[in-house]
Amino acid sequence: MASDLIVEDQKLMGDTQQYRRVRLLVKKLNRERKKQAKKIDILCNDLIAAQREFINRLNAISFAAHFYESMIGITDLGKLLYTASKLIKDELPDANVTFFLRQADSFELHMFESSKPITFEKNRLENRFGAELVENICRSKKVCTLDDMFAMGLEYSLIELSKVSAVTIPLGELGQSLGFILIYRSSDNQLAAHELTRVCVITRGLSRAIQAYQVLLRSAD
């Protein structure tokens, strides 16, 4: 009788140990499964991000190719800037595009109306750009945000600024500033980084075309 109890106890102990080993094994498998699931999620996210970046680069290359093809044969500065403005607006819907070209002691403003301009009427953003602000932006030789422009002397109320998404993109060649492009639209449709990247891709070629025209104009004088 006692021996039967001992055998029974040993069997119970063996079952308990086996049960614990099974539980530990299941826990270990669950941990490994969660680790694998995280790795798969990270890999999938990386693949999606890489694919998105690849598509953005292809779109930028396509835009640049179309842009430069459209520039071929244009020798008039006004037509050059009008064509550039139209192509940029096609790429950035509802955006306003204004060119500020640096002169010896002033600047030229070239503005072409958007088909859907944001409603600033007489208080348009470009009307607030004085000679000092233009010069400060030109000297910065970088993409400037509204905060940068405000710090450089842009006089615009905070309420007005909150309605706008805007940047300036430098134009220049060999370290020389030729001016910049002001791009802005309603803050309801913020300018996206990939959109601005596409514009930045074509500024070098556009700068060379502008500089070539200016050299040609000076030689003619």
C-alpha atoms as a PDB file:
ATOM      1  CA  MET A   1       0.000   0.000   0.000  1.00  0.00           C
ATOM      2  CA  ALA A   2       2.766   2.409   0.984  1.00  0.00           C
ATOM      3  CA  SER A   3       4.714   1.500  -2.121  1.00  0.00           C
ATOM      4  CA  ASP A   4       1.700   2.315  -4.239  1.00  0.00           C
ATOM      5  CA  LEU A   5       1.524   5.783  -2.661  1.00  0.00           C
ATOM      6  CA  ILE A   6       5.209   6.369  -3.318  1.00  0.00           C
ATOM      7  CA  VAL A   7       4.788   5.370  -6.934  1.00  0.00           C
ATOM      8  CA  GLU A   8       1.772   7.637  -7.240  1.00  0.00           C
ATOM      9  CA  ASP A   9       3.673  10.564  -5.685  1.00  0.00           C
ATOM     10  CA  GLN A  10       6.591  10.020  -8.050  1.00  0.00           C
ATOM     11  CA  LYS A  11       4.207   9.948 -10.974  1.00  0.00           C
ATOM     12  CA  LEU A  12       2.591  13.208  -9.851  1.00  0.00           C
ATOM     13  CA  MET A  13       6.010  14.827  -9.416  1.00  0.00           C
ATOM     14  CA  GLY A  14       7.024  13.629 -12.842  1.00  0.00           C
ATOM     15  CA  ASP A  15       3.817  14.997 -14.386  1.00  0.00           C
ATOM     16  CA  THR A  16       4.339  18.353 -12.597  1.00  0.00           C
ATOM     17  CA  GLN A  17       7.930  18.665 -13.823  1.00  0.00           C
ATOM     18  CA  GLN A  18       6.874  17.744 -17.332  1.00  0.00           C
ATOM     19  CA  TYR A  19       4.067  20.290 -17.189  1.00  0.00           C
ATOM     20  CA  ARG A  20       6.527  22.971 -16.046  1.00  0.00           C
ATOM     21  CA  ARG A  21       8.926  22.085 -18.854  1.00  0.00           C
ATOM     22  CA  VAL A  22       6.089  22.317 -21.350  1.00  0.00           C
ATOM     23  CA  ARG A  23       5.036  25.701 -19.942  1.00  0.00           C
ATOM     24  CA  LEU A  24       8.611  26.994 -20.133  1.00  0.00           C
ATOM     25  CA  LEU A  25       8.900  25.719 -23.684  1.00  0.00           C
ATOM     26  CA  VAL A  26       5.635  27.405 -24.670  1.00  0.00           C
ATOM     27  CA  LYS A  27       6.766  30.684 -23.071  1.00  0.00           C
ATOM     28  CA  LYS A  28      10.066  30.492 -24.896  1.00  0.00           C
ATOM     29  CA  LEU A  29       8.310  29.798 -28.194  1.00  0.00           C
ATOM     30  CA  ASN A  30       5.942  32.731 -27.621  1.00  0.00           C
ATOM     31  CA  ARG A  31       8.884  35.049 -26.897  1.00  0.00           C
ATOM     32  CA  GLU A  32      10.642  33.895 -30.047  1.00  0.00           C
ATOM     33  CA  ARG A  33       7.455  34.316 -32.046  1.00  0.00           C
ATOM     34  CA  LYS A  34       7.023  37.885 -30.768  1.00  0.00           C
ATOM     35  CA  LYS A  35      10.670  38.676 -31.576  1.00  0.00           C
ATOM     36  CA  GLN A  36      10.223  37.301 -35.091  1.00  0.00           C
ATOM     37  CA  ALA A  37       6.985  39.251 -35.526  1.00  0.00           C
ATOM     38  CA  LYS A  38       8.768  42.484 -34.507  1.00  0.00           C
ATOM     39  CA  LYS A  39      11.625  41.744 -36.899  1.00  0.00           C
ATOM     40  CA  ILE A  40       9.145  41.096 -39.712  1.00  0.00           C
ATOM     41  CA  ASP A  41       7.288  44.349 -38.924  1.00  0.00           C
ATOM     42  CA  ILE A  42      10.552  46.303 -38.933  1.00  0.00           C
ATOM     43  CA  LEU A  43      11.614  44.664 -42.186  1.00  0.00           C
ATOM     44  CA  CYS A  44       8.247  45.396 -43.810  1.00  0.00           C
ATOM     45  CA  ASN A  45       8.348  49.024 -42.651  1.00  0.00           C
ATOM     46  CA  ASP A  46      11.897  49.386 -43.960  1.00  0.00           C
ATOM     47  CA  LEU A  47      10.862  47.905 -47.311  1.00  0.00           C
ATOM     48  CA  ILE A  48       7.867  50.233 -47.544  1.00  0.00           C
ATOM     49  CA  ALA A  49      10.007  53.252 -46.634  1.00  0.00           C
ATOM     50  CA  ALA A  50      12.668  52.235 -49.163  1.00  0.00           C
ATOM     51  CA  GLN A  51      10.038  51.747 -51.851  1.00  0.00           C
ATOM     52  CA  ARG A  52       8.499  55.138 -51.068  1.00  0.00           C
ATOM     53  CA  GLU A  53      11.929  56.795 -51.207  1.00  0.00           C
ATOM     54  CA  PHE A  54      12.700  55.032 -54.493  1.00  0.00           C
ATOM     55  CA  ILE A  55       9.414  56.222 -56.005  1.00  0.00           C
ATOM     56  CA  ASN A  56      10.075  59.782 -54.809  1.00  0.00           C
ATOM     57  CA  ARG A  57      13.518  59.698 -56.432  1.00  0.00           C
ATOM     58  CA  LEU A  58      12.069  58.388 -59.689  1.00  0.00           C
ATOM     59  CA  ASN A  59       9.445  61.134 -59.629  1.00  0.00           C
ATOM     60  CA  ALA A  60      12.154  63.735 -58.982  1.00  0.00           C
ATOM     61  CA  ILE A  61      14.236  62.429 -61.893  1.00  0.00           C
ATOM     62  CA  SER A  62      11.173  62.367 -64.144  1.00  0.00           C
ATOM     63  CA  PHE A  63      10.277  65.936 -63.172  1.00  0.00           C
ATOM     64  CA  ALA A  64      13.850  67.119 -63.748  1.00  0.00           C
ATOM     65  CA  ALA A  65      13.986  65.460 -67.174  1.00  0.00           C
ATOM     66  CA  HIS A  66      10.670  67.042 -68.186  1.00  0.00           C
ATOM     67  CA  PHE A  67      11.763  70.397 -66.781  1.00  0.00           C
ATOM     68  CA  TYR A  68      15.059  70.529 -68.665  1.00  0.00           C
ATOM     69  CA  GLU A  69      13.405  69.315 -71.857  1.00  0.00           C
ATOM     70  CA  SER A  70      10.943  72.204 -71.589  1.00  0.00           C
ATOM     71  CA  MET A  71      13.811  74.700 -71.103  1.00  0.00           C
ATOM     72  CA  ILE A  72      15.544  73.767 -74.369  1.00  0.00           C
ATOM     73  CA  GLY A  73      15.630  76.598 -76.884  1.00  0.00           C
ATOM     74  CA  ILE A  74      14.270  79.323 -74.564  1.00  0.00           C
ATOM     75  CA  THR A  75      16.437  82.443 -74.731  1.00  0.00           C
ATOM     76  CA  ASP A  76      14.065  85.012 -73.225  1.00  0.00           C
ATOM     77  CA  LEU A  77      14.263  85.398 -69.439  1.00  0.00           C
ATOM     78  CA  GLY A  78      10.567  86.172 -69.014  1.00  0.00           C
ATOM     79  CA  LYS A  79       9.545  83.096 -70.981  1.00  0.00           C
ATOM     80  CA  LEU A  80      12.121  81.011 -69.119  1.00  0.00           C
ATOM     81  CA  LEU A  81      10.752  82.004 -65.725  1.00  0.00           C
ATOM     82  CA  TYR A  82       7.142  81.699 -66.863  1.00  0.00           C
ATOM     83  CA  THR A  83       7.789  78.152 -68.099  1.00  0.00           C
ATOM     84  CA  ALA A  84       9.629  77.260 -64.901  1.00  0.00           C
ATOM     85  CA  SER A  85       6.811  78.695 -62.816  1.00  0.00           C
ATOM     86  CA  LYS A  86       4.182  76.721 -64.713  1.00  0.00           C
ATOM     87  CA  LEU A  87       6.112  73.456 -64.384  1.00  0.00           C
ATOM     88  CA  ILE A  88       6.634  73.978 -60.652  1.00  0.00           C
ATOM     89  CA  LYS A  89       2.932  74.753 -60.161  1.00  0.00           C
ATOM     90  CA  ASP A  90       2.006  71.610 -62.061  1.00  0.00           C
ATOM     91  CA  GLU A  91       4.155  69.677 -59.594  1.00  0.00           C
ATOM     92  CA  LEU A  92       2.925  71.606 -56.522  1.00  0.00           C
ATOM     93  CA  PRO A  93      -0.839  72.115 -56.984  1.00  0.00           C
ATOM     94  CA  ASP A  94      -2.328  75.446 -55.838  1.00  0.00           C
ATOM     95  CA  ALA A  95       1.100  76.887 -55.035  1.00  0.00           C
ATOM     96  CA  ASN A  96       2.157  80.456 -55.761  1.00  0.00           C
ATOM     97  CA  VAL A  97       5.624  80.793 -57.287  1.00  0.00           C
ATOM     98  CA  THR A  98       7.596  84.054 -57.352  1.00  0.00           C
ATOM     99  CA  PHE A  99      11.177  84.612 -58.523  1.00  0.00           C
ATOM    100  CA  PHE A 100      13.366  87.193 -56.808  1.00  0.00           C
ATOM    101  CA  LEU A 101      16.456  87.897 -58.916  1.00  0.00           C
ATOM    102  CA  ARG A 102      19.331  89.778 -57.347  1.00  0.00           C
ATOM    103  CA  GLN A 103      20.630  92.958 -58.972  1.00  0.00           C
ATOM    104  CA  ALA A 104      23.627  95.164 -58.187  1.00  0.00           C
ATOM    105  CA  ASP A 105      21.767  97.357 -55.694  1.00  0.00           C
ATOM    106  CA  SER A 106      18.205  96.016 -55.820  1.00  0.00           C
ATOM    107  CA  PHE A 107      16.211  93.030 -57.069  1.00  0.00           C
ATOM    108  CA  GLU A 108      13.726  92.038 -59.742  1.00  0.00           C
ATOM    109  CA  LEU A 109      10.456  90.321 -58.894  1.00  0.00           C
ATOM    110  CA  HIS A 110       8.912  87.952 -61.431  1.00  0.00           C
ATOM    111  CA  MET A 111       5.446  86.740 -60.465  1.00  0.00           C
ATOM    112  CA  PHE A 112       3.051  84.631 -62.485  1.00  0.00           C
ATOM    113  CA  GLU A 113      -0.486  84.189 -61.169  1.00  0.00           C
ATOM    114  CA  SER A 114      -1.621  80.775 -59.992  1.00  0.00           C
ATOM    115  CA  SER A 115      -4.853  79.408 -61.373  1.00  0.00           C
ATOM    116  CA  LYS A 116      -6.003  79.146 -57.738  1.00  0.00           C
ATOM    117  CA  PRO A 117      -4.155  81.781 -55.717  1.00  0.00           C
ATOM    118  CA  ILE A 118      -4.699  81.864 -51.978  1.00  0.00           C
ATOM    119  CA  THR A 119      -6.763  84.882 -51.029  1.00  0.00           C
ATOM    120  CA  PHE A 120      -4.374  87.476 -49.648  1.00  0.00           C
ATOM    121  CA  GLU A 121      -5.568  90.109 -52.119  1.00  0.00           C
ATOM    122  CA  LYS A 122      -3.378  93.210 -51.634  1.00  0.00           C
ATOM    123  CA  ASN A 123      -1.665  91.641 -48.663  1.00  0.00           C
ATOM    124  CA  ARG A 124       0.113  88.943 -50.648  1.00  0.00           C
ATOM    125  CA  LEU A 125       3.211  87.447 -49.102  1.00  0.00           C
ATOM    126  CA  GLU A 126       5.627  88.640 -51.789  1.00  0.00           C
ATOM    127  CA  ASN A 127       4.517  92.228 -51.218  1.00  0.00           C
ATOM    128  CA  ARG A 128       6.188  92.061 -47.790  1.00  0.00           C
ATOM    129  CA  PHE A 129       9.636  91.347 -49.229  1.00  0.00           C
ATOM    130  CA  GLY A 130      11.763  94.475 -49.037  1.00  0.00           C
ATOM    131  CA  ALA A 131      15.331  94.910 -50.266  1.00  0.00           C
ATOM    132  CA  GLU A 132      16.877  94.095 -46.875  1.00  0.00           C
ATOM    133  CA  LEU A 133      14.903  90.863 -46.454  1.00  0.00           C
ATOM    134  CA  VAL A 134      15.698  89.790 -50.021  1.00  0.00           C
ATOM    135  CA  GLU A 135      19.395  90.450 -49.443  1.00  0.00           C
ATOM    136  CA  ASN A 136      19.372  88.510 -46.168  1.00  0.00           C
ATOM    137  CA  ILE A 137      17.743  85.512 -47.831  1.00  0.00           C
ATOM    138  CA  CYS A 138      20.183  85.660 -50.745  1.00  0.00           C
ATOM    139  CA  ARG A 139      23.150  85.740 -48.379  1.00  0.00           C
ATOM    140  CA  SER A 140      21.876  82.726 -46.450  1.00  0.00           C
ATOM    141  CA  LYS A 141      22.151  80.551 -49.596  1.00  0.00           C
ATOM    142  CA  LYS A 142      19.846  77.957 -48.065  1.00  0.00           C
ATOM    143  CA  VAL A 143      16.236  76.832 -48.103  1.00  0.00           C
ATOM    144  CA  CYS A 144      14.455  79.191 -45.709  1.00  0.00           C
ATOM    145  CA  THR A 145      11.283  78.471 -43.789  1.00  0.00           C
ATOM    146  CA  LEU A 146       8.785  81.074 -42.618  1.00  0.00           C
ATOM    147  CA  ASP A 147      10.527  81.090 -39.243  1.00  0.00           C
ATOM    148  CA  ASP A 148      13.824  81.876 -41.001  1.00  0.00           C
ATOM    149  CA  MET A 149      12.213  84.668 -43.019  1.00  0.00           C
ATOM    150  CA  PHE A 150      10.588  86.088 -39.909  1.00  0.00           C
ATOM    151  CA  ALA A 151      13.975  86.117 -38.159  1.00  0.00           C
ATOM    152  CA  MET A 152      15.497  87.883 -41.186  1.00  0.00           C
ATOM    153  CA  GLY A 153      12.981  90.713 -41.067  1.00  0.00           C
ATOM    154  CA  LEU A 154       9.732  89.529 -42.666  1.00  0.00           C
ATOM    155  CA  GLU A 155       6.956  91.734 -41.282  1.00  0.00           C
ATOM    156  CA  TYR A 156       3.833  89.625 -41.099  1.00  0.00           C
ATOM    157  CA  SER A 157       1.397  89.097 -38.261  1.00  0.00           C
ATOM    158  CA  LEU A 158       1.245  85.708 -36.545  1.00  0.00           C
ATOM    159  CA  ILE A 159      -2.358  85.300 -37.692  1.00  0.00           C
ATOM    160  CA  GLU A 160      -1.324  85.877 -41.302  1.00  0.00           C
ATOM    161  CA  LEU A 161       1.684  83.569 -40.967  1.00  0.00           C
ATOM    162  CA  SER A 162      -0.512  80.781 -39.601  1.00  0.00           C
ATOM    163  CA  LYS A 163      -2.452  80.784 -42.869  1.00  0.00           C
ATOM    164  CA  VAL A 164       0.623  80.133 -45.016  1.00  0.00           C
ATOM    165  CA  SER A 165       2.994  77.285 -45.792  1.00  0.00           C
ATOM    166  CA  ALA A 166       6.024  78.875 -47.458  1.00  0.00           C
ATOM    167  CA  VAL A 167       9.711  78.425 -48.260  1.00  0.00           C
ATOM    168  CA  THR A 168      12.381  80.150 -50.303  1.00  0.00           C
ATOM    169  CA  ILE A 169      14.721  78.041 -52.429  1.00  0.00           C
ATOM    170  CA  PRO A 170      18.068  79.592 -53.406  1.00  0.00           C
ATOM    171  CA  LEU A 171      19.191  80.191 -56.965  1.00  0.00           C
ATOM    172  CA  GLY A 172      22.924  80.365 -57.545  1.00  0.00           C
ATOM    173  CA  GLU A 173      25.981  79.113 -59.385  1.00  0.00           C
ATOM    174  CA  LEU A 174      29.541  78.570 -58.140  1.00  0.00           C
ATOM    175  CA  GLY A 175      28.821  80.160 -54.776  1.00  0.00           C
ATOM    176  CA  GLN A 176      27.226  83.241 -56.324  1.00  0.00           C
ATOM    177  CA  SER A 177      23.660  84.017 -55.276  1.00  0.00           C
ATOM    178  CA  LEU A 178      21.376  84.915 -58.157  1.00  0.00           C
ATOM    179  CA  GLY A 179      18.259  85.188 -56.006  1.00  0.00           C
ATOM    180  CA  PHE A 180      15.659  82.705 -54.870  1.00  0.00           C
ATOM    181  CA  ILE A 181      12.254  81.184 -55.550  1.00  0.00           C
ATOM    182  CA  LEU A 182       9.437  81.937 -53.117  1.00  0.00           C
ATOM    183  CA  ILE A 183       6.872  79.125 -52.996  1.00  0.00           C
ATOM    184  CA  TYR A 184       3.803  79.290 -50.824  1.00  0.00           C
ATOM    185  CA  ARG A 185       0.237  78.078 -50.494  1.00  0.00           C
ATOM    186  CA  SER A 186      -2.451  77.710 -47.850  1.00  0.00           C
ATOM    187  CA  SER A 187      -1.399  76.095 -44.577  1.00  0.00           C
ATOM    188  CA  ASP A 188      -4.343  73.730 -45.048  1.00  0.00           C
ATOM    189  CA  ASN A 189      -2.174  72.094 -47.710  1.00  0.00           C
ATOM    190  CA  GLN A 190       1.325  72.151 -46.208  1.00  0.00           C
ATOM    191  CA  LEU A 191       4.272  72.018 -48.594  1.00  0.00           C
ATOM    192  CA  ALA A 192       5.716  68.503 -48.329  1.00  0.00           C
ATOM    193  CA  ALA A 193       9.416  67.664 -48.145  1.00  0.00           C
ATOM    194  CA  HIS A 194       9.303  65.443 -51.246  1.00  0.00           C
ATOM    195  CA  GLU A 195       7.686  68.270 -53.249  1.00  0.00           C
ATOM    196  CA  LEU A 196      10.402  70.726 -52.278  1.00  0.00           C
ATOM    197  CA  THR A 197      13.091  68.142 -53.040  1.00  0.00           C
ATOM    198  CA  ARG A 198      11.855  67.958 -56.620  1.00  0.00           C
ATOM    199  CA  VAL A 199      12.139  71.735 -56.986  1.00  0.00           C
ATOM    200  CA  CYS A 200      15.623  71.721 -55.455  1.00  0.00           C
ATOM    201  CA  VAL A 201      16.698  69.146 -58.056  1.00  0.00           C
ATOM    202  CA  ILE A 202      16.112  71.593 -60.919  1.00  0.00           C
ATOM    203  CA  THR A 203      17.460  74.806 -59.354  1.00  0.00           C
ATOM    204  CA  ARG A 204      21.038  74.232 -60.484  1.00  0.00           C
ATOM    205  CA  GLY A 205      20.080  73.949 -64.148  1.00  0.00           C
ATOM    206  CA  LEU A 206      17.644  76.830 -63.846  1.00  0.00           C
ATOM    207  CA  SER A 207      20.341  78.962 -62.186  1.00  0.00           C
ATOM    208  CA  ARG A 208      22.733  78.261 -65.050  1.00  0.00           C
ATOM    209  CA  ALA A 209      20.077  79.265 -67.588  1.00  0.00           C
ATOM    210  CA  ILE A 210      19.341  82.506 -65.706  1.00  0.00           C
ATOM    211  CA  GLN A 211      23.036  83.323 -65.396  1.00  0.00           C
ATOM    212  CA  ALA A 212      23.633  82.610 -69.099  1.00  0.00           C
ATOM    213  CA  TYR A 213      20.798  84.964 -70.017  1.00  0.00           C
ATOM    214  CA  GLN A 214      22.159  87.709 -67.744  1.00  0.00           C
ATOM    215  CA  VAL A 215      25.669  87.348 -69.224  1.00  0.00           C
ATOM    216  CA  LEU A 216      24.180  87.504 -72.726  1.00  0.00           C
ATOM    217  CA  LEU A 217      22.179  90.608 -71.816  1.00  0.00           C
ATOM    218  CA  ARG A 218      25.243  92.392 -70.382  1.00  0.00           C
ATOM    219  CA  SER A 219      27.329  91.557 -73.456  1.00  0.00           C
ATOM    220  CA  ALA A 220      24.614  92.949 -75.697  1.00  0.00           C
ATOM    221  CA  ASP A 221      24.674  96.235 -73.758  1.00  0.00           C
END
